Amino acid sequence: MKKIAVIGAGSWGTVLASLLADNGHSVTLYGNHQEVLDEIINFHTNKRYLAATFKTNERIAVTIDLKAAVQGQDMLLLVIPTKAIRSVGASIATILAQNNAQPIIVSATKGIEPGSKKRVSQIIAEEIYPAQTDKIAIISGPSHAEGVAQKDLTALSVASESTAVAELVQETFSNDYLRLYTTNDVIGVEVGGATKNVIALGAGLLYGKGFGDNAKAALMTRGLAEMTRLGVRLGAQPLTFSGLSGIGDLIVTCTSTNSRNWRAGRELAKGKGLEQTLSDMGMVVEGVLTAKALHELSQELNLEMPISAAIYRFLYEDSSVDAEIARMMGRENKPELEF
């Protein structure tokens, strides 16, 4: 049994906290909405983010006090938006320093920070473990919280610089419906997890404009090429993108109505404004900010990422879906394979 704090009581955080408690671990769930925590304690549901039919493990402890959540834990699981990782990480670092504690830190967040263009593991390293990056692990892959809540069979990647840490996380999370595979390609796993959210926005946009399976397949395949191109330039292993955190995550995010990025794209295609769409979603749509980060990265690296660029222009430069489709289909002819 391990003592684990799950930081973030949204859909994914709640489901993973319950899974870990089901696996026999001592779990504390931290959230910043008292009404959500009260509901979990009193009714073992989280109807703000999940269907009422999902019942959490009754042994989960909950708290709105970050210090109480973090102290004395063997492992911290961060399931919060990318934009909150830096500030929450700094608070966690202060708490850990006061107690001279060094728990393993696992992130289940998929995104890249605009401005710094840092991956989540890099932000965690900067804020918490600048000299101990081998104590950081990343979980990513084809998964919706709704599916894991229903115990749908799920396979994910866990990446860490340390094989021992990756294997420990693998053992901690795995059960009869969730299977983890280890890798040391932290860059590839994070680039795949972040980039697929932007491509999924595009898949939703195409659906909302009435396009069908051919367009979706083309978008996903060329999106995979784009994802791989960026990852390899940053130092990732090309084969990672043929795995769970690459093509696997791309499939589930671009084809499921459970995907908040896909749903956001669909609503935007109908003419709804970005702010209204995000407000109506009620949950973070990581692809919106990641589109900005990918645009910055592609400019810095002089890297061709036409799909990401099109989605960036649609979100931030008042372009239209029709204009971007015309631009995409009118690009200069070229060979398909690049590696």
C-alpha atoms as a PDB file:
ATOM      1  CA  MET A   1       0.000   0.000   0.000  1.00  0.00           C
ATOM      2  CA  LYS A   2       1.230   3.460  -0.921  1.00  0.00           C
ATOM      3  CA  LYS A   3       0.121   6.832   0.382  1.00  0.00           C
ATOM      4  CA  ILE A   4      -0.918   8.926  -2.613  1.00  0.00           C
ATOM      5  CA  ALA A   5      -2.258  12.458  -2.991  1.00  0.00           C
ATOM      6  CA  VAL A   6      -4.245  13.190  -6.146  1.00  0.00           C
ATOM      7  CA  ILE A   7      -4.086  16.919  -6.908  1.00  0.00           C
ATOM      8  CA  GLY A   8      -7.170  17.881  -8.886  1.00  0.00           C
ATOM      9  CA  ALA A   9     -10.761  16.744  -8.370  1.00  0.00           C
ATOM     10  CA  GLY A  10     -12.002  17.039 -11.939  1.00  0.00           C
ATOM     11  CA  SER A  11     -13.207  14.055 -13.938  1.00  0.00           C
ATOM     12  CA  TRP A  12      -9.809  12.403 -14.529  1.00  0.00           C
ATOM     13  CA  GLY A  13      -8.492  13.151 -11.040  1.00  0.00           C
ATOM     14  CA  THR A  14     -11.626  11.757  -9.383  1.00  0.00           C
ATOM     15  CA  VAL A  15     -11.607   8.582 -11.474  1.00  0.00           C
ATOM     16  CA  LEU A  16      -7.900   7.948 -10.923  1.00  0.00           C
ATOM     17  CA  ALA A  17      -8.226   8.603  -7.189  1.00  0.00           C
ATOM     18  CA  SER A  18     -11.005   6.025  -7.010  1.00  0.00           C
ATOM     19  CA  LEU A  19      -9.001   3.543  -9.091  1.00  0.00           C
ATOM     20  CA  LEU A  20      -5.976   3.899  -6.826  1.00  0.00           C
ATOM     21  CA  ALA A  21      -8.150   3.368  -3.755  1.00  0.00           C
ATOM     22  CA  ASP A  22      -9.678   0.314  -5.452  1.00  0.00           C
ATOM     23  CA  ASN A  23      -6.104  -0.933  -5.923  1.00  0.00           C
ATOM     24  CA  GLY A  24      -5.639  -0.830  -2.139  1.00  0.00           C
ATOM     25  CA  HIS A  25      -3.719   2.424  -1.728  1.00  0.00           C
ATOM     26  CA  SER A  26      -4.351   5.180   0.814  1.00  0.00           C
ATOM     27  CA  VAL A  27      -5.627   8.086  -1.280  1.00  0.00           C
ATOM     28  CA  THR A  28      -6.212  11.753  -0.489  1.00  0.00           C
ATOM     29  CA  LEU A  29      -7.971  13.822  -3.154  1.00  0.00           C
ATOM     30  CA  TYR A  30      -7.290  17.569  -3.208  1.00  0.00           C
ATOM     31  CA  GLY A  31      -9.680  19.981  -4.912  1.00  0.00           C
ATOM     32  CA  ASN A  32     -10.430  23.692  -4.770  1.00  0.00           C
ATOM     33  CA  HIS A  33     -14.242  23.494  -4.926  1.00  0.00           C
ATOM     34  CA  GLN A  34     -15.642  22.647  -1.505  1.00  0.00           C
ATOM     35  CA  GLU A  35     -19.051  21.695  -2.913  1.00  0.00           C
ATOM     36  CA  VAL A  36     -17.428  19.056  -5.136  1.00  0.00           C
ATOM     37  CA  LEU A  37     -15.497  17.610  -2.200  1.00  0.00           C
ATOM     38  CA  ASP A  38     -18.600  17.606  -0.002  1.00  0.00           C
ATOM     39  CA  GLU A  39     -20.476  15.656  -2.646  1.00  0.00           C
ATOM     40  CA  ILE A  40     -17.685  13.075  -2.898  1.00  0.00           C
ATOM     41  CA  ILE A  41     -17.666  12.634   0.882  1.00  0.00           C
ATOM     42  CA  ASN A  42     -21.434  12.542   1.367  1.00  0.00           C
ATOM     43  CA  PHE A  43     -22.652  10.799  -1.788  1.00  0.00           C
ATOM     44  CA  HIS A  44     -19.489   9.355  -3.413  1.00  0.00           C
ATOM     45  CA  THR A  45     -20.344  11.101  -6.676  1.00  0.00           C
ATOM     46  CA  ASN A  46     -18.920  14.051  -8.620  1.00  0.00           C
ATOM     47  CA  LYS A  47     -21.830  15.118 -10.812  1.00  0.00           C
ATOM     48  CA  ARG A  48     -20.125  18.365 -11.805  1.00  0.00           C
ATOM     49  CA  TYR A  49     -17.702  16.362 -13.944  1.00  0.00           C
ATOM     50  CA  LEU A  50     -18.986  12.767 -14.140  1.00  0.00           C
ATOM     51  CA  ALA A  51     -22.202  10.851 -14.607  1.00  0.00           C
ATOM     52  CA  ALA A  52     -24.195  10.322 -11.415  1.00  0.00           C
ATOM     53  CA  THR A  53     -23.912   6.562 -11.940  1.00  0.00           C
ATOM     54  CA  PHE A  54     -20.175   6.665 -11.141  1.00  0.00           C
ATOM     55  CA  LYS A  55     -19.526   6.026  -7.465  1.00  0.00           C
ATOM     56  CA  THR A  56     -16.112   6.758  -5.981  1.00  0.00           C
ATOM     57  CA  ASN A  57     -14.362   4.415  -3.600  1.00  0.00           C
ATOM     58  CA  GLU A  58     -15.652   5.276  -0.126  1.00  0.00           C
ATOM     59  CA  ARG A  59     -12.151   5.138   1.389  1.00  0.00           C
ATOM     60  CA  ILE A  60     -10.945   8.259  -0.449  1.00  0.00           C
ATOM     61  CA  ALA A  61     -10.110  11.139   1.882  1.00  0.00           C
ATOM     62  CA  VAL A  62     -10.721  14.631   0.500  1.00  0.00           C
ATOM     63  CA  THR A  63      -9.352  18.035   1.427  1.00  0.00           C
ATOM     64  CA  ILE A  64      -9.302  21.615   0.187  1.00  0.00           C
ATOM     65  CA  ASP A  65      -6.010  22.165   2.063  1.00  0.00           C
ATOM     66  CA  LEU A  66      -3.051  21.572  -0.271  1.00  0.00           C
ATOM     67  CA  LYS A  67      -0.577  21.262   2.611  1.00  0.00           C
ATOM     68  CA  ALA A  68      -2.701  18.606   4.304  1.00  0.00           C
ATOM     69  CA  ALA A  69      -2.949  16.718   1.009  1.00  0.00           C
ATOM     70  CA  VAL A  70       0.773  16.769   0.213  1.00  0.00           C
ATOM     71  CA  GLN A  71       2.335  16.055   3.599  1.00  0.00           C
ATOM     72  CA  GLY A  72       3.481  12.515   4.290  1.00  0.00           C
ATOM     73  CA  GLN A  73       2.745  11.071   0.856  1.00  0.00           C
ATOM     74  CA  ASP A  74       4.810   8.559  -1.120  1.00  0.00           C
ATOM     75  CA  MET A  75       3.468   9.789  -4.451  1.00  0.00           C
ATOM     76  CA  LEU A  76       1.748  12.917  -5.794  1.00  0.00           C
ATOM     77  CA  LEU A  77      -0.462  12.610  -8.868  1.00  0.00           C
ATOM     78  CA  LEU A  78      -1.050  15.955 -10.613  1.00  0.00           C
ATOM     79  CA  VAL A  79      -4.290  16.076 -12.611  1.00  0.00           C
ATOM     80  CA  ILE A  80      -4.726  19.824 -13.087  1.00  0.00           C
ATOM     81  CA  PRO A  81      -4.702  22.105 -16.161  1.00  0.00           C
ATOM     82  CA  THR A  82      -1.342  22.895 -17.724  1.00  0.00           C
ATOM     83  CA  LYS A  83      -1.793  26.588 -16.915  1.00  0.00           C
ATOM     84  CA  ALA A  84      -1.964  25.724 -13.181  1.00  0.00           C
ATOM     85  CA  ILE A  85       1.043  23.390 -13.038  1.00  0.00           C
ATOM     86  CA  ARG A  86       3.610  26.123 -12.384  1.00  0.00           C
ATOM     87  CA  SER A  87       1.785  27.901  -9.548  1.00  0.00           C
ATOM     88  CA  VAL A  88       0.617  24.705  -7.852  1.00  0.00           C
ATOM     89  CA  GLY A  89       4.076  23.199  -8.334  1.00  0.00           C
ATOM     90  CA  ALA A  90       5.674  26.155  -6.562  1.00  0.00           C
ATOM     91  CA  SER A  91       3.282  25.713  -3.620  1.00  0.00           C
ATOM     92  CA  ILE A  92       4.037  21.984  -3.474  1.00  0.00           C
ATOM     93  CA  ALA A  93       7.777  22.692  -3.498  1.00  0.00           C
ATOM     94  CA  THR A  94       7.410  24.954  -0.446  1.00  0.00           C
ATOM     95  CA  ILE A  95       5.457  22.281   1.426  1.00  0.00           C
ATOM     96  CA  LEU A  96       7.941  19.537   0.557  1.00  0.00           C
ATOM     97  CA  ALA A  97      10.910  21.695   1.589  1.00  0.00           C
ATOM     98  CA  GLN A  98       9.342  22.309   4.989  1.00  0.00           C
ATOM     99  CA  ASN A  99       9.141  18.565   5.562  1.00  0.00           C
ATOM    100  CA  ASN A 100      12.309  17.527   3.698  1.00  0.00           C
ATOM    101  CA  ALA A 101      10.107  15.165   1.675  1.00  0.00           C
ATOM    102  CA  GLN A 102      10.777  13.767  -1.821  1.00  0.00           C
ATOM    103  CA  PRO A 103       7.743  11.841  -3.092  1.00  0.00           C
ATOM    104  CA  ILE A 104       7.518  10.572  -6.648  1.00  0.00           C
ATOM    105  CA  ILE A 105       5.556  13.046  -8.758  1.00  0.00           C
ATOM    106  CA  VAL A 106       3.331  11.729 -11.524  1.00  0.00           C
ATOM    107  CA  SER A 107       1.549  13.954 -14.027  1.00  0.00           C
ATOM    108  CA  ALA A 108      -1.569  12.992 -15.974  1.00  0.00           C
ATOM    109  CA  THR A 109      -1.826  16.452 -17.583  1.00  0.00           C
ATOM    110  CA  LYS A 110      -1.429  16.841 -21.363  1.00  0.00           C
ATOM    111  CA  GLY A 111      -0.283  20.221 -22.603  1.00  0.00           C
ATOM    112  CA  ILE A 112       2.508  22.654 -23.440  1.00  0.00           C
ATOM    113  CA  GLU A 113       2.833  26.018 -21.707  1.00  0.00           C
ATOM    114  CA  PRO A 114       2.542  29.029 -24.051  1.00  0.00           C
ATOM    115  CA  GLY A 115       5.346  31.527 -23.652  1.00  0.00           C
ATOM    116  CA  SER A 116       7.887  29.185 -22.096  1.00  0.00           C
ATOM    117  CA  LYS A 117       6.941  26.406 -24.561  1.00  0.00           C
ATOM    118  CA  LYS A 118       7.771  23.941 -21.785  1.00  0.00           C
ATOM    119  CA  ARG A 119       6.338  20.478 -21.425  1.00  0.00           C
ATOM    120  CA  VAL A 120       4.634  19.604 -18.128  1.00  0.00           C
ATOM    121  CA  SER A 121       7.568  17.520 -16.862  1.00  0.00           C
ATOM    122  CA  GLN A 122       9.900  20.461 -17.515  1.00  0.00           C
ATOM    123  CA  ILE A 123       7.649  22.774 -15.501  1.00  0.00           C
ATOM    124  CA  ILE A 124       7.508  20.269 -12.636  1.00  0.00           C
ATOM    125  CA  ALA A 125      11.286  19.967 -12.731  1.00  0.00           C
ATOM    126  CA  GLU A 126      11.760  23.735 -12.639  1.00  0.00           C
ATOM    127  CA  GLU A 127       9.315  24.285  -9.795  1.00  0.00           C
ATOM    128  CA  ILE A 128       9.782  21.168  -7.636  1.00  0.00           C
ATOM    129  CA  TYR A 129      12.707  18.894  -8.564  1.00  0.00           C
ATOM    130  CA  PRO A 130      15.339  20.808 -10.570  1.00  0.00           C
ATOM    131  CA  ALA A 131      18.043  18.323  -9.576  1.00  0.00           C
ATOM    132  CA  GLN A 132      15.913  15.173  -9.416  1.00  0.00           C
ATOM    133  CA  THR A 133      14.108  14.829 -12.698  1.00  0.00           C
ATOM    134  CA  ASP A 134      14.295  11.054 -12.354  1.00  0.00           C
ATOM    135  CA  LYS A 135      11.593  11.283  -9.670  1.00  0.00           C
ATOM    136  CA  ILE A 136       9.070  12.568 -12.235  1.00  0.00           C
ATOM    137  CA  ALA A 137       6.785  10.344 -14.322  1.00  0.00           C
ATOM    138  CA  ILE A 138       4.202  11.085 -17.007  1.00  0.00           C
ATOM    139  CA  ILE A 139       1.053   9.065 -17.686  1.00  0.00           C
ATOM    140  CA  SER A 140      -0.523   9.480 -21.116  1.00  0.00           C
ATOM    141  CA  GLY A 141      -2.391   7.548 -23.756  1.00  0.00           C
ATOM    142  CA  PRO A 142      -5.858   6.794 -25.161  1.00  0.00           C
ATOM    143  CA  SER A 143      -8.200   7.341 -22.254  1.00  0.00           C
ATOM    144  CA  HIS A 144     -11.295   9.247 -21.315  1.00  0.00           C
ATOM    145  CA  ALA A 145     -12.228   9.497 -17.656  1.00  0.00           C
ATOM    146  CA  GLU A 146     -15.742   8.386 -18.585  1.00  0.00           C
ATOM    147  CA  GLY A 147     -14.397   5.139 -20.048  1.00  0.00           C
ATOM    148  CA  VAL A 148     -12.145   4.294 -17.112  1.00  0.00           C
ATOM    149  CA  ALA A 149     -15.043   5.104 -14.769  1.00  0.00           C
ATOM    150  CA  GLN A 150     -17.001   2.369 -16.574  1.00  0.00           C
ATOM    151  CA  LYS A 151     -13.978   0.042 -16.348  1.00  0.00           C
ATOM    152  CA  ASP A 152     -13.537   0.016 -20.094  1.00  0.00           C
ATOM    153  CA  LEU A 153     -10.321  -1.846 -20.957  1.00  0.00           C
ATOM    154  CA  THR A 154      -7.591   0.823 -21.139  1.00  0.00           C
ATOM    155  CA  ALA A 155      -3.865   0.830 -21.947  1.00  0.00           C
ATOM    156  CA  LEU A 156      -1.576   3.787 -21.219  1.00  0.00           C
ATOM    157  CA  SER A 157       2.091   4.744 -21.327  1.00  0.00           C
ATOM    158  CA  VAL A 158       4.081   5.759 -18.271  1.00  0.00           C
ATOM    159  CA  ALA A 159       7.300   7.612 -19.070  1.00  0.00           C
ATOM    160  CA  SER A 160      10.177   8.471 -16.767  1.00  0.00           C
ATOM    161  CA  GLU A 161      13.917   8.975 -16.998  1.00  0.00           C
ATOM    162  CA  SER A 162      14.110   6.303 -14.296  1.00  0.00           C
ATOM    163  CA  THR A 163      13.073   2.788 -15.291  1.00  0.00           C
ATOM    164  CA  ALA A 164      12.539   1.960 -11.610  1.00  0.00           C
ATOM    165  CA  VAL A 165      10.150   4.905 -11.170  1.00  0.00           C
ATOM    166  CA  ALA A 166       8.226   4.014 -14.338  1.00  0.00           C
ATOM    167  CA  GLU A 167       7.882   0.418 -13.146  1.00  0.00           C
ATOM    168  CA  LEU A 168       6.736   1.554  -9.698  1.00  0.00           C
ATOM    169  CA  VAL A 169       4.024   3.731 -11.239  1.00  0.00           C
ATOM    170  CA  GLN A 170       3.084   0.861 -13.549  1.00  0.00           C
ATOM    171  CA  GLU A 171       2.632  -1.458 -10.576  1.00  0.00           C
ATOM    172  CA  THR A 172       0.709   1.161  -8.585  1.00  0.00           C
ATOM    173  CA  PHE A 173      -1.908   1.907 -11.242  1.00  0.00           C
ATOM    174  CA  SER A 174      -2.337  -1.370 -13.120  1.00  0.00           C
ATOM    175  CA  ASN A 175      -5.316  -3.616 -12.457  1.00  0.00           C
ATOM    176  CA  ASP A 176      -7.699  -5.879 -14.378  1.00  0.00           C
ATOM    177  CA  TYR A 177      -9.006  -3.070 -16.623  1.00  0.00           C
ATOM    178  CA  LEU A 178      -6.079  -0.599 -16.732  1.00  0.00           C
ATOM    179  CA  ARG A 179      -2.701  -1.680 -18.117  1.00  0.00           C
ATOM    180  CA  LEU A 180       0.393   0.539 -18.239  1.00  0.00           C
ATOM    181  CA  TYR A 181       3.443   0.153 -20.473  1.00  0.00           C
ATOM    182  CA  THR A 182       6.762   1.747 -19.483  1.00  0.00           C
ATOM    183  CA  THR A 183       9.039   3.907 -21.617  1.00  0.00           C
ATOM    184  CA  ASN A 184      11.932   6.297 -21.064  1.00  0.00           C
ATOM    185  CA  ASP A 185      10.830   8.608 -23.887  1.00  0.00           C
ATOM    186  CA  VAL A 186       9.375  11.403 -21.762  1.00  0.00           C
ATOM    187  CA  ILE A 187       9.608  13.902 -24.626  1.00  0.00           C
ATOM    188  CA  GLY A 188       7.727  11.713 -27.074  1.00  0.00           C
ATOM    189  CA  VAL A 189       4.962  10.805 -24.636  1.00  0.00           C
ATOM    190  CA  GLU A 190       4.382  14.454 -23.706  1.00  0.00           C
ATOM    191  CA  VAL A 191       4.531  15.797 -27.266  1.00  0.00           C
ATOM    192  CA  GLY A 192       2.021  13.162 -28.362  1.00  0.00           C
ATOM    193  CA  GLY A 193      -0.331  13.876 -25.474  1.00  0.00           C
ATOM    194  CA  ALA A 194      -0.248  17.623 -26.057  1.00  0.00           C
ATOM    195  CA  THR A 195      -0.358  17.735 -29.848  1.00  0.00           C
ATOM    196  CA  LYS A 196      -3.279  15.319 -30.216  1.00  0.00           C
ATOM    197  CA  ASN A 197      -5.521  17.828 -28.402  1.00  0.00           C
ATOM    198  CA  VAL A 198      -4.947  20.386 -31.148  1.00  0.00           C
ATOM    199  CA  ILE A 199      -5.595  17.829 -33.890  1.00  0.00           C
ATOM    200  CA  ALA A 200      -8.801  16.799 -32.071  1.00  0.00           C
ATOM    201  CA  LEU A 201     -10.001  20.405 -32.215  1.00  0.00           C
ATOM    202  CA  GLY A 202      -9.530  20.139 -35.969  1.00  0.00           C
ATOM    203  CA  ALA A 203     -11.471  16.868 -36.085  1.00  0.00           C
ATOM    204  CA  GLY A 204     -14.367  18.541 -34.287  1.00  0.00           C
ATOM    205  CA  LEU A 205     -14.219  21.506 -36.648  1.00  0.00           C
ATOM    206  CA  LEU A 206     -14.419  19.209 -39.676  1.00  0.00           C
ATOM    207  CA  TYR A 207     -17.347  17.295 -38.192  1.00  0.00           C
ATOM    208  CA  GLY A 208     -19.154  20.510 -37.365  1.00  0.00           C
ATOM    209  CA  LYS A 209     -18.755  21.625 -40.995  1.00  0.00           C
ATOM    210  CA  GLY A 210     -20.267  18.389 -42.263  1.00  0.00           C
ATOM    211  CA  PHE A 211     -17.173  16.548 -43.455  1.00  0.00           C
ATOM    212  CA  GLY A 212     -16.997  12.777 -43.082  1.00  0.00           C
ATOM    213  CA  ASP A 213     -14.695   9.823 -42.534  1.00  0.00           C
ATOM    214  CA  ASN A 214     -12.304  10.566 -45.399  1.00  0.00           C
ATOM    215  CA  ALA A 215     -11.540  14.028 -44.044  1.00  0.00           C
ATOM    216  CA  LYS A 216     -11.160  12.700 -40.502  1.00  0.00           C
ATOM    217  CA  ALA A 217      -8.737   9.990 -41.603  1.00  0.00           C
ATOM    218  CA  ALA A 218      -6.682  12.487 -43.603  1.00  0.00           C
ATOM    219  CA  LEU A 219      -6.537  14.894 -40.672  1.00  0.00           C
ATOM    220  CA  MET A 220      -5.491  12.213 -38.191  1.00  0.00           C
ATOM    221  CA  THR A 221      -2.834  10.730 -40.470  1.00  0.00           C
ATOM    222  CA  ARG A 222      -1.271  14.051 -41.391  1.00  0.00           C
ATOM    223  CA  GLY A 223      -1.671  15.164 -37.784  1.00  0.00           C
ATOM    224  CA  LEU A 224       0.389  12.149 -36.749  1.00  0.00           C
ATOM    225  CA  ALA A 225       3.085  13.182 -39.229  1.00  0.00           C
ATOM    226  CA  GLU A 226       3.074  16.673 -37.747  1.00  0.00           C
ATOM    227  CA  MET A 227       3.231  15.345 -34.190  1.00  0.00           C
ATOM    228  CA  THR A 228       6.146  13.058 -35.089  1.00  0.00           C
ATOM    229  CA  ARG A 229       8.019  15.827 -36.894  1.00  0.00           C
ATOM    230  CA  LEU A 230       7.867  18.055 -33.827  1.00  0.00           C
ATOM    231  CA  GLY A 231       8.702  15.288 -31.374  1.00  0.00           C
ATOM    232  CA  VAL A 232      11.743  14.081 -33.276  1.00  0.00           C
ATOM    233  CA  ARG A 233      13.050  17.643 -33.590  1.00  0.00           C
ATOM    234  CA  LEU A 234      12.779  17.964 -29.788  1.00  0.00           C
ATOM    235  CA  GLY A 235      14.609  14.683 -29.209  1.00  0.00           C
ATOM    236  CA  ALA A 236      11.835  12.068 -29.061  1.00  0.00           C
ATOM    237  CA  GLN A 237      12.038   8.528 -30.422  1.00  0.00           C
ATOM    238  CA  PRO A 238      10.061   8.228 -33.694  1.00  0.00           C
ATOM    239  CA  LEU A 239       8.478   4.885 -32.737  1.00  0.00           C
ATOM    240  CA  THR A 240       6.832   6.447 -29.689  1.00  0.00           C
ATOM    241  CA  PHE A 241       4.324   8.107 -32.006  1.00  0.00           C
ATOM    242  CA  SER A 242       3.241   4.709 -33.330  1.00  0.00           C
ATOM    243  CA  GLY A 243       2.329   3.758 -29.769  1.00  0.00           C
ATOM    244  CA  LEU A 244      -0.286   4.494 -27.141  1.00  0.00           C
ATOM    245  CA  SER A 245       0.659   8.113 -26.467  1.00  0.00           C
ATOM    246  CA  GLY A 246       0.862   8.876 -30.203  1.00  0.00           C
ATOM    247  CA  ILE A 247      -1.543   7.243 -32.632  1.00  0.00           C
ATOM    248  CA  GLY A 248      -3.476   5.617 -29.765  1.00  0.00           C
ATOM    249  CA  ASP A 249      -4.354   8.885 -28.083  1.00  0.00           C
ATOM    250  CA  LEU A 250      -4.953  10.548 -31.436  1.00  0.00           C
ATOM    251  CA  ILE A 251      -7.559   7.912 -32.362  1.00  0.00           C
ATOM    252  CA  VAL A 252      -9.575   8.191 -29.178  1.00  0.00           C
ATOM    253  CA  THR A 253      -9.458  11.983 -28.994  1.00  0.00           C
ATOM    254  CA  CYS A 254     -10.407  12.578 -32.628  1.00  0.00           C
ATOM    255  CA  THR A 255     -13.249  10.057 -32.779  1.00  0.00           C
ATOM    256  CA  SER A 256     -15.078  10.179 -29.438  1.00  0.00           C
ATOM    257  CA  THR A 257     -17.798  12.526 -28.240  1.00  0.00           C
ATOM    258  CA  ASN A 258     -16.202  12.188 -24.799  1.00  0.00           C
ATOM    259  CA  SER A 259     -13.315  14.299 -26.106  1.00  0.00           C
ATOM    260  CA  ARG A 260     -13.760  17.853 -24.854  1.00  0.00           C
ATOM    261  CA  ASN A 261     -11.386  19.102 -27.591  1.00  0.00           C
ATOM    262  CA  TRP A 262     -13.485  17.409 -30.287  1.00  0.00           C
ATOM    263  CA  ARG A 263     -16.686  18.785 -28.783  1.00  0.00           C
ATOM    264  CA  ALA A 264     -15.214  22.286 -28.579  1.00  0.00           C
ATOM    265  CA  GLY A 265     -14.212  22.126 -32.244  1.00  0.00           C
ATOM    266  CA  ARG A 266     -17.690  20.969 -33.226  1.00  0.00           C
ATOM    267  CA  GLU A 267     -19.313  23.890 -31.396  1.00  0.00           C
ATOM    268  CA  LEU A 268     -16.862  26.417 -32.825  1.00  0.00           C
ATOM    269  CA  ALA A 269     -17.641  25.181 -36.326  1.00  0.00           C
ATOM    270  CA  LYS A 270     -21.286  26.018 -35.719  1.00  0.00           C
ATOM    271  CA  GLY A 271     -20.342  29.659 -35.246  1.00  0.00           C
ATOM    272  CA  LYS A 272     -20.246  29.813 -31.470  1.00  0.00           C
ATOM    273  CA  GLY A 273     -17.520  32.132 -30.110  1.00  0.00           C
ATOM    274  CA  LEU A 274     -14.448  30.780 -28.358  1.00  0.00           C
ATOM    275  CA  GLU A 275     -15.208  32.308 -24.955  1.00  0.00           C
ATOM    276  CA  GLN A 276     -18.801  31.076 -25.027  1.00  0.00           C
ATOM    277  CA  THR A 277     -17.714  27.612 -26.123  1.00  0.00           C
ATOM    278  CA  LEU A 278     -15.192  27.297 -23.298  1.00  0.00           C
ATOM    279  CA  SER A 279     -17.715  28.614 -20.792  1.00  0.00           C
ATOM    280  CA  ASP A 280     -20.345  26.123 -21.933  1.00  0.00           C
ATOM    281  CA  MET A 281     -17.868  23.240 -21.748  1.00  0.00           C
ATOM    282  CA  GLY A 282     -17.330  23.821 -18.014  1.00  0.00           C
ATOM    283  CA  MET A 283     -13.970  22.046 -18.231  1.00  0.00           C
ATOM    284  CA  VAL A 284     -10.531  22.977 -19.507  1.00  0.00           C
ATOM    285  CA  VAL A 285     -10.002  22.456 -23.244  1.00  0.00           C
ATOM    286  CA  GLU A 286      -6.236  21.985 -23.330  1.00  0.00           C
ATOM    287  CA  GLY A 287      -5.977  22.175 -27.107  1.00  0.00           C
ATOM    288  CA  VAL A 288      -6.859  25.874 -27.159  1.00  0.00           C
ATOM    289  CA  LEU A 289      -3.773  27.005 -25.249  1.00  0.00           C
ATOM    290  CA  THR A 290      -1.604  24.237 -26.696  1.00  0.00           C
ATOM    291  CA  ALA A 291      -2.395  25.538 -30.200  1.00  0.00           C
ATOM    292  CA  LYS A 292      -0.739  28.787 -29.198  1.00  0.00           C
ATOM    293  CA  ALA A 293       2.279  26.961 -27.743  1.00  0.00           C
ATOM    294  CA  LEU A 294       2.664  24.821 -30.881  1.00  0.00           C
ATOM    295  CA  HIS A 295       2.536  27.941 -33.046  1.00  0.00           C
ATOM    296  CA  GLU A 296       5.317  29.486 -30.966  1.00  0.00           C
ATOM    297  CA  LEU A 297       7.384  26.288 -31.115  1.00  0.00           C
ATOM    298  CA  SER A 298       6.998  25.858 -34.858  1.00  0.00           C
ATOM    299  CA  GLN A 299       8.083  29.467 -35.416  1.00  0.00           C
ATOM    300  CA  GLU A 300      11.085  29.059 -33.128  1.00  0.00           C
ATOM    301  CA  LEU A 301      12.159  25.760 -34.723  1.00  0.00           C
ATOM    302  CA  ASN A 302      11.278  26.828 -38.297  1.00  0.00           C
ATOM    303  CA  LEU A 303       9.197  23.665 -38.460  1.00  0.00           C
ATOM    304  CA  GLU A 304       6.332  23.065 -40.872  1.00  0.00           C
ATOM    305  CA  MET A 305       3.136  22.256 -38.934  1.00  0.00           C
ATOM    306  CA  PRO A 306       0.306  23.247 -41.305  1.00  0.00           C
ATOM    307  CA  ILE A 307      -2.597  21.695 -39.383  1.00  0.00           C
ATOM    308  CA  SER A 308      -1.574  23.262 -36.099  1.00  0.00           C
ATOM    309  CA  ALA A 309      -0.972  26.563 -37.874  1.00  0.00           C
ATOM    310  CA  ALA A 310      -4.439  26.453 -39.424  1.00  0.00           C
ATOM    311  CA  ILE A 311      -6.088  25.813 -36.063  1.00  0.00           C
ATOM    312  CA  TYR A 312      -4.027  28.599 -34.470  1.00  0.00           C
ATOM    313  CA  ARG A 313      -5.147  31.060 -37.143  1.00  0.00           C
ATOM    314  CA  PHE A 314      -8.773  30.002 -36.687  1.00  0.00           C
ATOM    315  CA  LEU A 315      -8.605  30.430 -32.893  1.00  0.00           C
ATOM    316  CA  TYR A 316      -6.472  33.553 -32.634  1.00  0.00           C
ATOM    317  CA  GLU A 317      -6.373  35.370 -35.982  1.00  0.00           C
ATOM    318  CA  ASP A 318     -10.054  35.373 -36.942  1.00  0.00           C
ATOM    319  CA  SER A 319      -9.595  33.025 -39.872  1.00  0.00           C
ATOM    320  CA  SER A 320     -12.423  30.737 -40.971  1.00  0.00           C
ATOM    321  CA  VAL A 321     -12.632  26.973 -41.301  1.00  0.00           C
ATOM    322  CA  ASP A 322     -13.412  27.303 -45.009  1.00  0.00           C
ATOM    323  CA  ALA A 323     -10.405  29.550 -45.608  1.00  0.00           C
ATOM    324  CA  GLU A 324      -8.080  27.190 -43.781  1.00  0.00           C
ATOM    325  CA  ILE A 325      -9.387  24.139 -45.646  1.00  0.00           C
ATOM    326  CA  ALA A 326      -8.808  25.945 -48.959  1.00  0.00           C
ATOM    327  CA  ARG A 327      -5.296  26.883 -47.845  1.00  0.00           C
ATOM    328  CA  MET A 328      -4.557  23.306 -46.734  1.00  0.00           C
ATOM    329  CA  MET A 329      -5.853  21.638 -49.887  1.00  0.00           C
ATOM    330  CA  GLY A 330      -4.089  24.184 -52.101  1.00  0.00           C
ATOM    331  CA  ARG A 331      -0.630  23.633 -50.617  1.00  0.00           C
ATOM    332  CA  GLU A 332       2.221  22.653 -52.948  1.00  0.00           C
ATOM    333  CA  ASN A 333       2.275  18.956 -53.799  1.00  0.00           C
ATOM    334  CA  LYS A 334       4.906  16.912 -51.944  1.00  0.00           C
ATOM    335  CA  PRO A 335       5.940  13.334 -51.125  1.00  0.00           C
ATOM    336  CA  GLU A 336       4.110  11.697 -48.219  1.00  0.00           C
ATOM    337  CA  LEU A 337       7.019  10.201 -46.254  1.00  0.00           C
ATOM    338  CA  GLU A 338       9.648  12.369 -44.619  1.00  0.00           C
ATOM    339  CA  PHE A 339      11.764   9.973 -42.547  1.00  0.00           C
END
